[in-house]
């Protein structure tokens, strides 16, 4: 009986020891699983945090790009306001109004009375032109100043393109020819003349490159 009892106690102790070992192993496994989950969570979180500076940089870049056009628009508005401040209103023959520079408006006040009222004002890249009821013209440019272009020479120059005429802008006003048979006017790239051929018939001559 004693031997049987001893064996049962030994078996119980062995079973208890095995149970404790399994519990210990289970505890270690749970700790390992929890540790792995924590490490995995940390690894997944770090890239997200590293991505934040990129998002901030992109945001800052977007703000800078947005501000640039606004600055350009401000400069354009200031330039437009400056041009408007140096302009005056000119009343045309039909009662409509246009804006011209103060200098050009002053020149328009000095044209002969027979010119009548201006019917239109045309502006180009380098010059401006006022056309009058008579067909005469007043042309102004920074390079060549302000000059009248009148009569048939005005018609020929205007029909040939006006401010875009290949003969260029007037550099002076018309003069009588040396022969006394008509008039000639110098332009930047040549001359236009209106002369009598001797029979009382007048015709125009456009001469590129200089006076004929």
N, C-alpha and C. Protein backbone atom coordinates (compact mmCIF):
# COMPACT_ATOMS: atom_id res chain seq x y z
N UNK A 1 0.84 -1.22 0.00
CA UNK A 1 0.00 0.00 0.00
C UNK A 1 0.85 1.24 0.00
N UNK A 2 1.91 1.23 0.72
CA UNK A 2 2.78 2.41 0.77
C UNK A 2 3.39 2.68 -0.59
N UNK A 3 3.85 1.61 -1.25
CA UNK A 3 4.45 1.80 -2.58
C UNK A 3 3.43 2.38 -3.55
N UNK A 4 2.22 1.90 -3.51
CA UNK A 4 1.17 2.39 -4.40
C UNK A 4 0.90 3.87 -4.15
N UNK A 5 0.85 4.20 -2.89
CA UNK A 5 0.59 5.61 -2.52
C UNK A 5 1.71 6.50 -2.96
N UNK A 6 2.93 6.03 -2.81
CA UNK A 6 4.10 6.83 -3.22
C UNK A 6 4.09 7.09 -4.71
N UNK A 7 3.75 6.02 -5.47
CA UNK A 7 3.70 6.16 -6.92
C UNK A 7 2.64 7.18 -7.35
N UNK A 8 1.48 7.15 -6.65
CA UNK A 8 0.41 8.09 -7.00
C UNK A 8 0.83 9.53 -6.70
N UNK A 9 1.54 9.71 -5.58
CA UNK A 9 2.01 11.05 -5.25
C UNK A 9 3.04 11.53 -6.26
N UNK A 10 3.93 10.58 -6.64
CA UNK A 10 4.96 10.96 -7.62
C UNK A 10 4.32 11.35 -8.94
N UNK A 11 3.30 10.57 -9.36
CA UNK A 11 2.60 10.90 -10.61
C UNK A 11 1.90 12.25 -10.55
N UNK A 12 1.32 12.51 -9.40
CA UNK A 12 0.64 13.80 -9.24
C UNK A 12 1.62 14.95 -9.31
N UNK A 13 2.78 14.74 -8.65
CA UNK A 13 3.81 15.79 -8.70
C UNK A 13 4.30 16.03 -10.12
N UNK A 14 4.49 14.90 -10.83
CA UNK A 14 4.96 15.03 -12.22
C UNK A 14 3.93 15.76 -13.07
N UNK A 15 2.65 15.43 -12.86
CA UNK A 15 1.59 16.09 -13.62
C UNK A 15 1.53 17.58 -13.32
N UNK A 16 1.72 17.87 -12.01
CA UNK A 16 1.70 19.29 -11.61
C UNK A 16 2.85 20.06 -12.24
N UNK A 17 4.03 19.41 -12.22
CA UNK A 17 5.22 20.06 -12.81
C UNK A 17 5.02 20.29 -14.30
N UNK A 18 4.48 19.30 -15.00
CA UNK A 18 4.23 19.44 -16.44
C UNK A 18 3.24 20.57 -16.72
N UNK A 19 2.21 20.63 -15.85
CA UNK A 19 1.19 21.67 -16.03
C UNK A 19 1.79 23.06 -15.86
N UNK A 20 2.65 23.17 -14.82
CA UNK A 20 3.31 24.47 -14.60
C UNK A 20 4.21 24.84 -15.76
N UNK A 21 4.89 23.82 -16.29
CA UNK A 21 5.78 24.08 -17.44
C UNK A 21 5.00 24.56 -18.63
N UNK A 22 3.83 23.92 -18.87
CA UNK A 22 3.00 24.35 -20.00
C UNK A 22 2.49 25.77 -19.81
N UNK A 23 2.10 26.07 -18.55
CA UNK A 23 1.64 27.43 -18.27
C UNK A 23 2.74 28.44 -18.52
N UNK A 24 3.96 28.08 -18.05
CA UNK A 24 5.11 28.98 -18.24
C UNK A 24 5.37 29.20 -19.71
N UNK A 25 5.34 28.09 -20.49
CA UNK A 25 5.57 28.19 -21.93
C UNK A 25 4.50 29.04 -22.59
N UNK A 26 3.24 28.80 -22.13
CA UNK A 26 2.15 29.58 -22.70
C UNK A 26 2.33 31.06 -22.41
N UNK A 27 2.79 31.36 -21.18
CA UNK A 27 3.02 32.75 -20.80
C UNK A 27 4.10 33.38 -21.65
N UNK A 28 5.19 32.56 -21.88
CA UNK A 28 6.27 33.10 -22.71
C UNK A 28 5.79 33.34 -24.13
N UNK A 29 4.97 32.38 -24.64
CA UNK A 29 4.45 32.54 -26.00
C UNK A 29 3.58 33.78 -26.12
N UNK A 30 2.72 34.02 -25.09
CA UNK A 30 1.86 35.20 -25.13
C UNK A 30 2.69 36.48 -25.11
N UNK A 31 3.78 36.45 -24.26
CA UNK A 31 4.64 37.64 -24.22
C UNK A 31 5.30 37.86 -25.57
N UNK A 32 5.73 36.73 -26.20
CA UNK A 32 6.38 36.88 -27.51
C UNK A 32 5.41 37.43 -28.54
N UNK A 33 4.15 36.92 -28.51
CA UNK A 33 3.14 37.39 -29.44
C UNK A 33 2.86 38.87 -29.23
N UNK A 34 2.70 39.27 -27.95
CA UNK A 34 2.43 40.66 -27.64
C UNK A 34 3.59 41.55 -28.07
N UNK A 35 4.84 41.05 -27.82
CA UNK A 35 6.02 41.83 -28.21
C UNK A 35 6.07 42.00 -29.72
N UNK A 36 5.77 40.90 -30.43
CA UNK A 36 5.79 40.97 -31.89
C UNK A 36 4.76 41.95 -32.39
N UNK A 37 3.55 41.94 -31.76
CA UNK A 37 2.51 42.84 -32.19
C UNK A 37 2.91 44.29 -31.94
N UNK A 38 3.55 44.56 -30.80
CA UNK A 38 3.99 45.90 -30.49
C UNK A 38 5.04 46.37 -31.48
N UNK A 39 6.05 45.44 -31.76
CA UNK A 39 7.09 45.80 -32.70
C UNK A 39 6.49 46.06 -34.08
N UNK A 40 5.54 45.19 -34.48
CA UNK A 40 4.90 45.37 -35.78
C UNK A 40 4.17 46.70 -35.85
N UNK A 41 3.49 47.04 -34.74
CA UNK A 41 2.76 48.30 -34.70
C UNK A 41 3.69 49.48 -34.81
N UNK A 42 4.84 49.41 -34.13
CA UNK A 42 5.83 50.48 -34.17
C UNK A 42 6.38 50.63 -35.57
N UNK A 43 6.69 49.46 -36.20
CA UNK A 43 7.25 49.51 -37.55
C UNK A 43 6.27 50.12 -38.53
N UNK A 44 4.99 49.82 -38.35
CA UNK A 44 4.00 50.37 -39.27
C UNK A 44 3.74 51.85 -39.01
N UNK A 45 3.94 52.29 -37.78
CA UNK A 45 3.66 53.68 -37.42
C UNK A 45 4.78 54.60 -37.87
N UNK A 46 6.05 54.12 -37.81
CA UNK A 46 7.18 54.97 -38.12
C UNK A 46 7.14 55.51 -39.54
N UNK A 47 6.88 54.67 -40.58
CA UNK A 47 6.81 55.23 -41.93
C UNK A 47 5.75 56.30 -42.07
N UNK A 48 4.63 56.13 -41.38
CA UNK A 48 3.57 57.14 -41.46
C UNK A 48 4.06 58.47 -40.91
N UNK A 49 4.86 58.40 -39.79
CA UNK A 49 5.38 59.63 -39.21
C UNK A 49 6.42 60.25 -40.14
N UNK A 50 7.22 59.38 -40.81
CA UNK A 50 8.23 59.91 -41.71
C UNK A 50 7.60 60.56 -42.94
N UNK A 51 6.38 60.14 -43.27
CA UNK A 51 5.71 60.70 -44.44
C UNK A 51 5.17 62.10 -44.19
N UNK A 52 4.97 62.45 -42.91
CA UNK A 52 4.38 63.74 -42.60
C UNK A 52 5.21 64.91 -43.11
N UNK A 53 6.59 64.91 -42.93
CA UNK A 53 7.35 66.05 -43.44
C UNK A 53 7.16 66.26 -44.93
N UNK A 54 7.01 65.16 -45.69
CA UNK A 54 6.80 65.28 -47.13
C UNK A 54 5.51 66.00 -47.43
N UNK A 55 4.46 65.64 -46.65
CA UNK A 55 3.18 66.28 -46.85
C UNK A 55 3.26 67.77 -46.53
N UNK A 56 4.04 68.13 -45.52
CA UNK A 56 4.19 69.53 -45.15
C UNK A 56 4.92 70.29 -46.24
N UNK A 57 6.02 69.64 -46.78
CA UNK A 57 6.77 70.30 -47.82
C UNK A 57 5.91 70.55 -49.04
N UNK A 58 5.09 69.54 -49.41
CA UNK A 58 4.22 69.73 -50.56
C UNK A 58 3.22 70.85 -50.30
N UNK A 59 2.73 70.94 -49.07
CA UNK A 59 1.80 72.01 -48.72
C UNK A 59 2.45 73.37 -48.83
N UNK A 60 3.72 73.48 -48.33
CA UNK A 60 4.42 74.74 -48.42
C UNK A 60 4.67 75.12 -49.87
N UNK A 61 5.05 74.14 -50.69
CA UNK A 61 5.29 74.41 -52.10
C UNK A 61 4.04 74.92 -52.79
N UNK A 62 2.91 74.32 -52.45
CA UNK A 62 1.64 74.75 -53.05
C UNK A 62 1.32 76.19 -52.69
N UNK A 63 1.60 76.56 -51.44
CA UNK A 63 1.34 77.93 -51.01
C UNK A 63 2.21 78.91 -51.77
N UNK A 64 3.51 78.56 -51.95
CA UNK A 64 4.41 79.44 -52.66
C UNK A 64 3.98 79.62 -54.10
N UNK A 65 3.59 78.51 -54.77
CA UNK A 65 3.17 78.60 -56.15
C UNK A 65 1.89 79.41 -56.29
N UNK A 66 1.03 79.34 -55.31
CA UNK A 66 -0.23 80.10 -55.35
C UNK A 66 0.02 81.58 -55.17
N UNK A 67 1.02 81.92 -54.33
CA UNK A 67 1.29 83.32 -54.08
C UNK A 67 1.95 84.00 -55.27
N UNK A 68 2.74 83.25 -56.06
CA UNK A 68 3.48 83.85 -57.17
C UNK A 68 2.56 84.52 -58.18
N UNK A 69 1.52 83.83 -58.72
CA UNK A 69 0.62 84.50 -59.66
C UNK A 69 -0.08 85.70 -59.05
N UNK A 70 -0.37 85.64 -57.76
CA UNK A 70 -1.03 86.76 -57.11
C UNK A 70 -0.12 87.99 -57.14
N UNK A 71 1.20 87.77 -56.89
CA UNK A 71 2.14 88.88 -56.94
C UNK A 71 2.21 89.45 -58.34
N UNK A 72 2.24 88.56 -59.36
CA UNK A 72 2.29 89.02 -60.75
C UNK A 72 1.04 89.81 -61.09
N UNK A 73 -0.12 89.35 -60.61
CA UNK A 73 -1.37 90.06 -60.88
C UNK A 73 -1.34 91.44 -60.26
N UNK A 74 -0.76 91.54 -59.03
CA UNK A 74 -0.67 92.85 -58.38
C UNK A 74 0.17 93.81 -59.21
N UNK A 75 1.30 93.29 -59.77
CA UNK A 75 2.17 94.14 -60.58
C UNK A 75 1.45 94.62 -61.83
N UNK A 76 0.67 93.72 -62.45
CA UNK A 76 -0.08 94.09 -63.65
C UNK A 76 -1.10 95.17 -63.34
N UNK A 77 -1.80 95.01 -62.21
CA UNK A 77 -2.80 96.00 -61.82
C UNK A 77 -2.15 97.36 -61.55
N UNK A 78 -0.98 97.34 -60.90
CA UNK A 78 -0.30 98.59 -60.61
C UNK A 78 0.13 99.28 -61.89
N UNK A 79 0.62 98.48 -62.88
CA UNK A 79 1.04 99.06 -64.15
C UNK A 79 -0.16 99.67 -64.88
N UNK A 80 -1.29 98.95 -64.84
CA UNK A 80 -2.50 99.46 -65.51
C UNK A 80 -2.97 100.76 -64.85
N UNK A 81 -2.90 100.81 -63.52
CA UNK A 81 -3.30 102.02 -62.81
C UNK A 81 -2.38 103.18 -63.16
N UNK A 82 -1.08 102.86 -63.33
CA UNK A 82 -0.13 103.91 -63.69
C UNK A 82 -0.41 104.46 -65.07
N UNK A 83 -0.73 103.58 -66.04
CA UNK A 83 -1.06 104.03 -67.39
C UNK A 83 -2.31 104.90 -67.39
N UNK A 84 -3.32 104.46 -66.62
CA UNK A 84 -4.57 105.21 -66.56
C UNK A 84 -4.35 106.60 -65.96
N UNK A 85 -3.43 106.69 -65.00
CA UNK A 85 -3.17 107.98 -64.35
C UNK A 85 -2.54 108.97 -65.32
N UNK A 86 -1.81 108.48 -66.36
CA UNK A 86 -1.15 109.35 -67.32
C UNK A 86 -1.98 109.55 -68.59
N UNK A 87 -3.22 109.12 -68.58
CA UNK A 87 -4.09 109.21 -69.75
C UNK A 87 -5.22 110.20 -69.50
N UNK A 88 -5.75 110.74 -70.62
CA UNK A 88 -6.88 111.64 -70.55
C UNK A 88 -7.92 111.17 -71.55
N UNK A 89 -9.16 111.59 -71.33
CA UNK A 89 -10.25 111.19 -72.20
C UNK A 89 -10.35 112.15 -73.39
N UNK A 90 -10.47 111.57 -74.59
CA UNK A 90 -10.59 112.35 -75.81
C UNK A 90 -11.95 112.06 -76.45
N UNK A 91 -12.71 113.10 -76.76
CA UNK A 91 -14.02 112.94 -77.39
C UNK A 91 -13.87 112.92 -78.90
N UNK A 92 -14.40 111.87 -79.54
CA UNK A 92 -14.31 111.72 -80.99
C UNK A 92 -15.50 112.40 -81.67
N UNK A 93 -15.48 112.41 -83.00
CA UNK A 93 -16.51 113.10 -83.76
C UNK A 93 -17.90 112.52 -83.52
N UNK A 94 -17.99 111.22 -83.25
CA UNK A 94 -19.28 110.59 -83.04
C UNK A 94 -19.76 110.66 -81.59
N UNK A 95 -19.02 111.36 -80.74
CA UNK A 95 -19.41 111.52 -79.35
C UNK A 95 -18.83 110.48 -78.42
N UNK A 96 -18.24 109.43 -78.96
CA UNK A 96 -17.60 108.42 -78.11
C UNK A 96 -16.28 108.96 -77.58
N UNK A 97 -15.74 108.30 -76.57
CA UNK A 97 -14.49 108.76 -75.97
C UNK A 97 -13.45 107.65 -75.96
N UNK A 98 -12.20 108.04 -76.03
CA UNK A 98 -11.07 107.11 -75.94
C UNK A 98 -10.03 107.72 -75.01
N UNK A 99 -9.18 106.86 -74.47
CA UNK A 99 -8.08 107.34 -73.63
C UNK A 99 -6.82 107.50 -74.47
N UNK A 100 -6.18 108.64 -74.32
CA UNK A 100 -4.90 108.89 -74.99
C UNK A 100 -3.94 109.47 -73.96
N UNK A 101 -2.66 109.44 -74.26
CA UNK A 101 -1.70 110.01 -73.32
C UNK A 101 -1.85 111.52 -73.27
N UNK A 102 -1.41 112.09 -72.18
CA UNK A 102 -1.52 113.54 -72.02
C UNK A 102 -0.73 114.28 -73.11
N UNK A 103 0.44 113.74 -73.48
CA UNK A 103 1.27 114.38 -74.50
C UNK A 103 0.56 114.37 -75.85
N UNK A 104 -0.06 113.21 -76.19
CA UNK A 104 -0.74 113.12 -77.48
C UNK A 104 -1.96 114.04 -77.49
N UNK A 105 -2.67 114.12 -76.38
CA UNK A 105 -3.83 115.01 -76.30
C UNK A 105 -3.41 116.46 -76.50
N UNK A 106 -2.25 116.83 -75.98
CA UNK A 106 -1.74 118.18 -76.14
C UNK A 106 -1.41 118.46 -77.60
N UNK A 107 -0.83 117.46 -78.29
CA UNK A 107 -0.51 117.62 -79.72
C UNK A 107 -1.78 117.77 -80.55
N UNK A 108 -2.83 117.04 -80.16
CA UNK A 108 -4.09 117.09 -80.90
C UNK A 108 -4.73 118.48 -80.83
N UNK A 109 -4.46 119.21 -79.77
CA UNK A 109 -5.02 120.55 -79.62
C UNK A 109 -4.38 121.54 -80.59
N UNK A 110 -3.23 121.17 -81.15
CA UNK A 110 -2.50 122.10 -82.01
C UNK A 110 -2.67 121.82 -83.50
N UNK A 111 -3.51 120.86 -83.88
CA UNK A 111 -3.71 120.58 -85.31
C UNK A 111 -4.53 121.70 -85.93
N UNK A 112 -4.36 121.93 -87.23
CA UNK A 112 -5.13 123.00 -87.89
C UNK A 112 -6.64 122.79 -87.77
N UNK A 113 -7.38 123.87 -87.74
CA UNK A 113 -8.82 123.79 -87.57
C UNK A 113 -9.48 123.03 -88.71
N UNK A 114 -8.91 123.11 -89.91
CA UNK A 114 -9.51 122.44 -91.06
C UNK A 114 -9.42 120.92 -90.98
N UNK A 115 -8.66 120.41 -90.05
CA UNK A 115 -8.61 118.96 -89.84
C UNK A 115 -9.97 118.43 -89.37
N UNK A 116 -10.73 119.27 -88.67
CA UNK A 116 -11.97 118.82 -88.09
C UNK A 116 -11.72 118.05 -86.80
N UNK A 117 -12.68 117.21 -86.44
CA UNK A 117 -12.54 116.42 -85.21
C UNK A 117 -11.96 115.03 -85.52
N UNK A 118 -11.26 114.47 -84.57
CA UNK A 118 -10.76 113.11 -84.80
C UNK A 118 -11.91 112.10 -84.85
N UNK A 119 -11.84 111.19 -85.80
CA UNK A 119 -12.89 110.18 -85.91
C UNK A 119 -12.48 108.86 -85.27
N UNK A 120 -11.17 108.64 -85.16
CA UNK A 120 -10.70 107.44 -84.46
C UNK A 120 -9.24 107.60 -84.08
N UNK A 121 -8.84 106.82 -83.09
CA UNK A 121 -7.44 106.78 -82.65
C UNK A 121 -6.99 105.32 -82.71
N UNK A 122 -5.86 105.10 -83.35
CA UNK A 122 -5.31 103.75 -83.47
C UNK A 122 -3.97 103.70 -82.76
N UNK A 123 -3.77 102.68 -81.95
CA UNK A 123 -2.51 102.53 -81.22
C UNK A 123 -1.78 101.28 -81.69
N UNK A 124 -0.48 101.39 -81.88
CA UNK A 124 0.36 100.25 -82.22
C UNK A 124 1.37 100.02 -81.12
N UNK A 125 2.34 99.12 -81.37
CA UNK A 125 3.34 98.82 -80.36
C UNK A 125 4.27 100.01 -80.10
N UNK A 126 4.57 100.78 -81.16
CA UNK A 126 5.55 101.85 -81.03
C UNK A 126 4.98 103.25 -81.27
N UNK A 127 3.70 103.33 -81.68
CA UNK A 127 3.17 104.63 -82.06
C UNK A 127 1.66 104.67 -81.92
N UNK A 128 1.10 105.88 -82.08
CA UNK A 128 -0.35 106.09 -82.08
C UNK A 128 -0.70 107.03 -83.22
N UNK A 129 -1.93 106.86 -83.75
CA UNK A 129 -2.35 107.67 -84.89
C UNK A 129 -3.77 108.13 -84.68
N UNK A 130 -4.01 109.42 -84.92
CA UNK A 130 -5.35 109.97 -84.89
C UNK A 130 -5.74 110.32 -86.32
N UNK A 131 -6.93 109.87 -86.73
CA UNK A 131 -7.45 110.17 -88.06
C UNK A 131 -8.59 111.17 -87.92
N UNK A 132 -8.60 112.19 -88.78
CA UNK A 132 -9.58 113.27 -88.69
C UNK A 132 -10.62 113.19 -89.80
N UNK A 133 -11.68 113.99 -89.64
CA UNK A 133 -12.76 114.01 -90.62
C UNK A 133 -12.26 114.32 -92.02
N UNK A 134 -11.21 115.12 -92.13
CA UNK A 134 -10.64 115.52 -93.42
C UNK A 134 -9.85 114.40 -94.09
N UNK A 135 -9.54 113.35 -93.32
CA UNK A 135 -8.67 112.29 -93.84
C UNK A 135 -7.21 112.49 -93.46
N UNK A 136 -6.90 113.66 -92.91
CA UNK A 136 -5.54 113.93 -92.46
C UNK A 136 -5.24 113.14 -91.19
N UNK A 137 -3.96 112.96 -90.90
CA UNK A 137 -3.53 112.12 -89.79
C UNK A 137 -2.54 112.87 -88.90
N UNK A 138 -2.53 112.49 -87.64
CA UNK A 138 -1.49 112.94 -86.71
C UNK A 138 -0.89 111.68 -86.11
N UNK A 139 0.42 111.52 -86.31
CA UNK A 139 1.11 110.29 -85.89
C UNK A 139 2.18 110.66 -84.88
N UNK A 140 2.22 109.93 -83.78
CA UNK A 140 3.21 110.20 -82.75
C UNK A 140 3.94 108.93 -82.35
N UNK A 141 5.23 109.06 -82.11
CA UNK A 141 6.03 107.94 -81.62
C UNK A 141 7.19 108.51 -80.80
N UNK A 142 7.69 107.72 -79.90
CA UNK A 142 8.80 108.19 -79.06
C UNK A 142 10.05 108.44 -79.89
N UNK A 143 10.24 107.60 -80.90
CA UNK A 143 11.47 107.70 -81.71
C UNK A 143 11.45 108.88 -82.67
N UNK A 144 10.28 109.14 -83.28
CA UNK A 144 10.21 110.15 -84.35
C UNK A 144 9.39 111.37 -83.99
N UNK A 145 8.84 111.44 -82.79
CA UNK A 145 8.05 112.58 -82.39
C UNK A 145 6.67 112.57 -83.02
N UNK A 146 6.03 113.75 -83.09
CA UNK A 146 4.68 113.87 -83.62
C UNK A 146 4.72 114.60 -84.96
N UNK A 147 4.08 114.00 -85.97
CA UNK A 147 4.10 114.57 -87.31
C UNK A 147 2.72 114.47 -87.96
N UNK A 148 2.39 115.48 -88.75
CA UNK A 148 1.17 115.45 -89.53
C UNK A 148 1.44 114.72 -90.85
N UNK A 149 0.45 113.94 -91.29
CA UNK A 149 0.49 113.32 -92.61
C UNK A 149 -0.83 113.71 -93.26
N UNK A 150 -0.75 114.47 -94.37
CA UNK A 150 -1.97 115.08 -94.89
C UNK A 150 -2.20 114.75 -96.36
N UNK A 151 -3.41 115.08 -96.79
CA UNK A 151 -3.76 114.99 -98.20
C UNK A 151 -3.60 113.59 -98.78
N UNK A 152 -3.11 113.55 -100.03
CA UNK A 152 -2.96 112.29 -100.74
C UNK A 152 -1.85 111.42 -100.15
N UNK A 153 -0.85 112.02 -99.60
CA UNK A 153 0.21 111.23 -98.96
C UNK A 153 -0.36 110.49 -97.75
N UNK A 154 -1.26 111.14 -97.01
CA UNK A 154 -1.91 110.47 -95.89
C UNK A 154 -2.72 109.27 -96.37
N UNK A 155 -3.44 109.46 -97.49
CA UNK A 155 -4.24 108.35 -98.03
C UNK A 155 -3.35 107.18 -98.44
N UNK A 156 -2.26 107.48 -99.14
CA UNK A 156 -1.36 106.43 -99.62
C UNK A 156 -0.74 105.68 -98.44
N UNK A 157 -0.29 106.42 -97.45
CA UNK A 157 0.36 105.77 -96.29
C UNK A 157 -0.62 104.93 -95.49
N UNK A 158 -1.83 105.49 -95.27
CA UNK A 158 -2.85 104.76 -94.51
C UNK A 158 -3.29 103.51 -95.27
N UNK A 159 -3.54 103.65 -96.57
CA UNK A 159 -3.97 102.49 -97.36
C UNK A 159 -2.89 101.42 -97.44
N UNK A 160 -1.67 101.83 -97.27
CA UNK A 160 -0.55 100.87 -97.32
C UNK A 160 -0.27 100.20 -95.99
N UNK A 161 -1.09 100.47 -94.97
CA UNK A 161 -0.92 99.79 -93.68
C UNK A 161 -0.86 100.71 -92.49
N UNK A 162 -0.77 102.03 -92.74
CA UNK A 162 -0.73 102.97 -91.61
C UNK A 162 0.45 102.68 -90.70
N UNK A 163 0.15 102.47 -89.42
CA UNK A 163 1.23 102.22 -88.45
C UNK A 163 2.03 100.98 -88.78
N UNK A 164 1.45 100.06 -89.56
CA UNK A 164 2.14 98.83 -89.95
C UNK A 164 2.72 98.90 -91.36
N UNK A 165 2.68 100.06 -91.99
CA UNK A 165 3.20 100.23 -93.34
C UNK A 165 4.69 99.92 -93.37
N UNK A 166 5.13 99.18 -94.40
CA UNK A 166 6.54 98.80 -94.48
C UNK A 166 7.46 100.01 -94.69
N UNK A 167 6.91 101.13 -95.14
CA UNK A 167 7.71 102.33 -95.32
C UNK A 167 8.06 102.98 -93.99
N UNK A 168 7.37 102.53 -92.92
CA UNK A 168 7.68 103.01 -91.58
C UNK A 168 6.87 104.21 -91.16
N UNK A 169 7.24 104.78 -90.04
CA UNK A 169 6.55 105.95 -89.47
C UNK A 169 7.13 107.23 -90.04
N UNK A 170 6.31 108.29 -90.08
CA UNK A 170 6.83 109.57 -90.58
C UNK A 170 7.90 110.13 -89.64
N UNK A 171 8.97 110.63 -90.25
CA UNK A 171 10.04 111.22 -89.45
C UNK A 171 10.04 112.74 -89.54
N UNK A 172 9.16 113.27 -90.36
CA UNK A 172 8.99 114.71 -90.53
C UNK A 172 7.69 114.95 -91.27
N UNK A 173 7.44 116.21 -91.60
CA UNK A 173 6.21 116.53 -92.31
C UNK A 173 6.52 116.79 -93.78
N UNK A 174 5.48 116.78 -94.61
CA UNK A 174 5.70 116.89 -96.06
C UNK A 174 6.31 118.24 -96.43
N UNK A 175 7.02 118.22 -97.55
CA UNK A 175 7.64 119.43 -98.09
C UNK A 175 7.39 119.46 -99.60
N UNK A 176 7.53 120.64 -100.19
CA UNK A 176 7.42 120.72 -101.65
C UNK A 176 8.66 120.10 -102.28
N UNK A 177 8.45 119.48 -103.42
CA UNK A 177 9.59 118.89 -104.14
C UNK A 177 10.48 120.01 -104.68
N UNK A 178 11.72 119.65 -104.97
CA UNK A 178 12.66 120.64 -105.50
C UNK A 178 12.18 121.18 -106.85
N UNK A 179 11.46 120.38 -107.60
CA UNK A 179 10.96 120.81 -108.90
C UNK A 179 9.70 121.66 -108.77
N UNK A 180 9.10 121.68 -107.62
CA UNK A 180 7.90 122.47 -107.41
C UNK A 180 6.67 121.84 -108.02
N UNK A 181 6.71 120.53 -108.28
CA UNK A 181 5.58 119.87 -108.95
C UNK A 181 4.77 118.98 -108.01
N UNK A 182 4.96 119.17 -106.73
CA UNK A 182 4.20 118.35 -105.80
C UNK A 182 4.81 118.35 -104.41
N UNK A 183 4.56 117.29 -103.67
CA UNK A 183 5.01 117.21 -102.28
C UNK A 183 5.65 115.83 -102.02
N UNK A 184 6.51 115.84 -101.05
CA UNK A 184 7.21 114.61 -100.67
C UNK A 184 7.35 114.58 -99.15
N UNK A 185 7.28 113.39 -98.60
CA UNK A 185 7.41 113.25 -97.15
C UNK A 185 8.33 112.08 -96.83
N UNK A 186 9.19 112.30 -95.84
CA UNK A 186 10.16 111.28 -95.44
C UNK A 186 9.57 110.38 -94.34
N UNK A 187 9.78 109.08 -94.52
CA UNK A 187 9.38 108.07 -93.52
C UNK A 187 10.63 107.30 -93.11
N UNK A 188 10.47 106.49 -92.09
CA UNK A 188 11.64 105.79 -91.52
C UNK A 188 12.34 104.90 -92.55
N UNK A 189 11.58 104.33 -93.49
CA UNK A 189 12.17 103.40 -94.46
C UNK A 189 12.02 103.86 -95.91
N UNK A 190 11.86 105.15 -96.12
CA UNK A 190 11.73 105.64 -97.49
C UNK A 190 10.90 106.91 -97.57
N UNK A 191 10.38 107.17 -98.77
CA UNK A 191 9.59 108.39 -98.96
C UNK A 191 8.30 108.07 -99.71
N UNK A 192 7.33 108.96 -99.55
CA UNK A 192 6.11 108.94 -100.36
C UNK A 192 5.96 110.33 -100.96
N UNK A 193 5.75 110.36 -102.27
CA UNK A 193 5.59 111.66 -102.94
C UNK A 193 4.28 111.69 -103.72
N UNK A 194 3.77 112.89 -103.91
CA UNK A 194 2.56 113.12 -104.70
C UNK A 194 2.90 114.25 -105.67
N UNK A 195 3.11 113.88 -106.93
CA UNK A 195 3.67 114.84 -107.87
C UNK A 195 2.92 114.84 -109.21
N UNK A 196 3.08 115.97 -109.93
CA UNK A 196 2.49 116.17 -111.26
C UNK A 196 3.52 115.70 -112.29
N UNK A 197 3.04 114.89 -113.21
CA UNK A 197 3.95 114.37 -114.23
C UNK A 197 4.21 115.37 -115.36
N UNK A 198 3.66 116.56 -115.24
CA UNK A 198 3.86 117.61 -116.25
C UNK A 198 2.64 117.85 -117.08
N UNK A 199 1.67 116.94 -117.00
CA UNK A 199 0.45 117.10 -117.79
C UNK A 199 -0.74 117.48 -116.93
N UNK A 200 -0.45 117.76 -115.67
CA UNK A 200 -1.53 118.10 -114.76
C UNK A 200 -2.11 116.89 -114.04
N UNK A 201 -1.50 115.72 -114.29
CA UNK A 201 -1.96 114.49 -113.64
C UNK A 201 -1.02 114.15 -112.48
N UNK A 202 -1.62 114.03 -111.29
CA UNK A 202 -0.82 113.72 -110.11
C UNK A 202 -0.90 112.22 -109.83
N UNK A 203 0.16 111.70 -109.28
CA UNK A 203 0.20 110.30 -108.87
C UNK A 203 1.20 110.14 -107.74
N UNK A 204 1.02 109.05 -106.98
CA UNK A 204 1.92 108.82 -105.85
C UNK A 204 3.12 107.97 -106.29
N UNK A 205 4.21 108.17 -105.58
CA UNK A 205 5.40 107.36 -105.77
C UNK A 205 5.94 106.97 -104.39
N UNK A 206 6.02 105.68 -104.15
CA UNK A 206 6.57 105.17 -102.88
C UNK A 206 7.97 104.67 -103.16
N UNK A 207 8.94 105.28 -102.50
CA UNK A 207 10.35 104.95 -102.76
C UNK A 207 10.99 104.43 -101.48
N UNK A 208 11.22 103.12 -101.38
CA UNK A 208 11.87 102.57 -100.18
C UNK A 208 13.34 103.01 -100.12
N UNK A 209 13.84 103.18 -98.91
CA UNK A 209 15.27 103.39 -98.71
C UNK A 209 15.72 104.82 -98.60
N UNK A 210 14.91 105.79 -98.95
CA UNK A 210 15.33 107.18 -98.83
C UNK A 210 14.64 108.04 -99.84
N UNK A 211 14.99 109.34 -99.85
CA UNK A 211 14.32 110.26 -100.75
C UNK A 211 14.68 109.96 -102.19
N UNK A 212 13.72 110.13 -103.08
CA UNK A 212 13.96 109.93 -104.51
C UNK A 212 14.56 111.19 -105.14
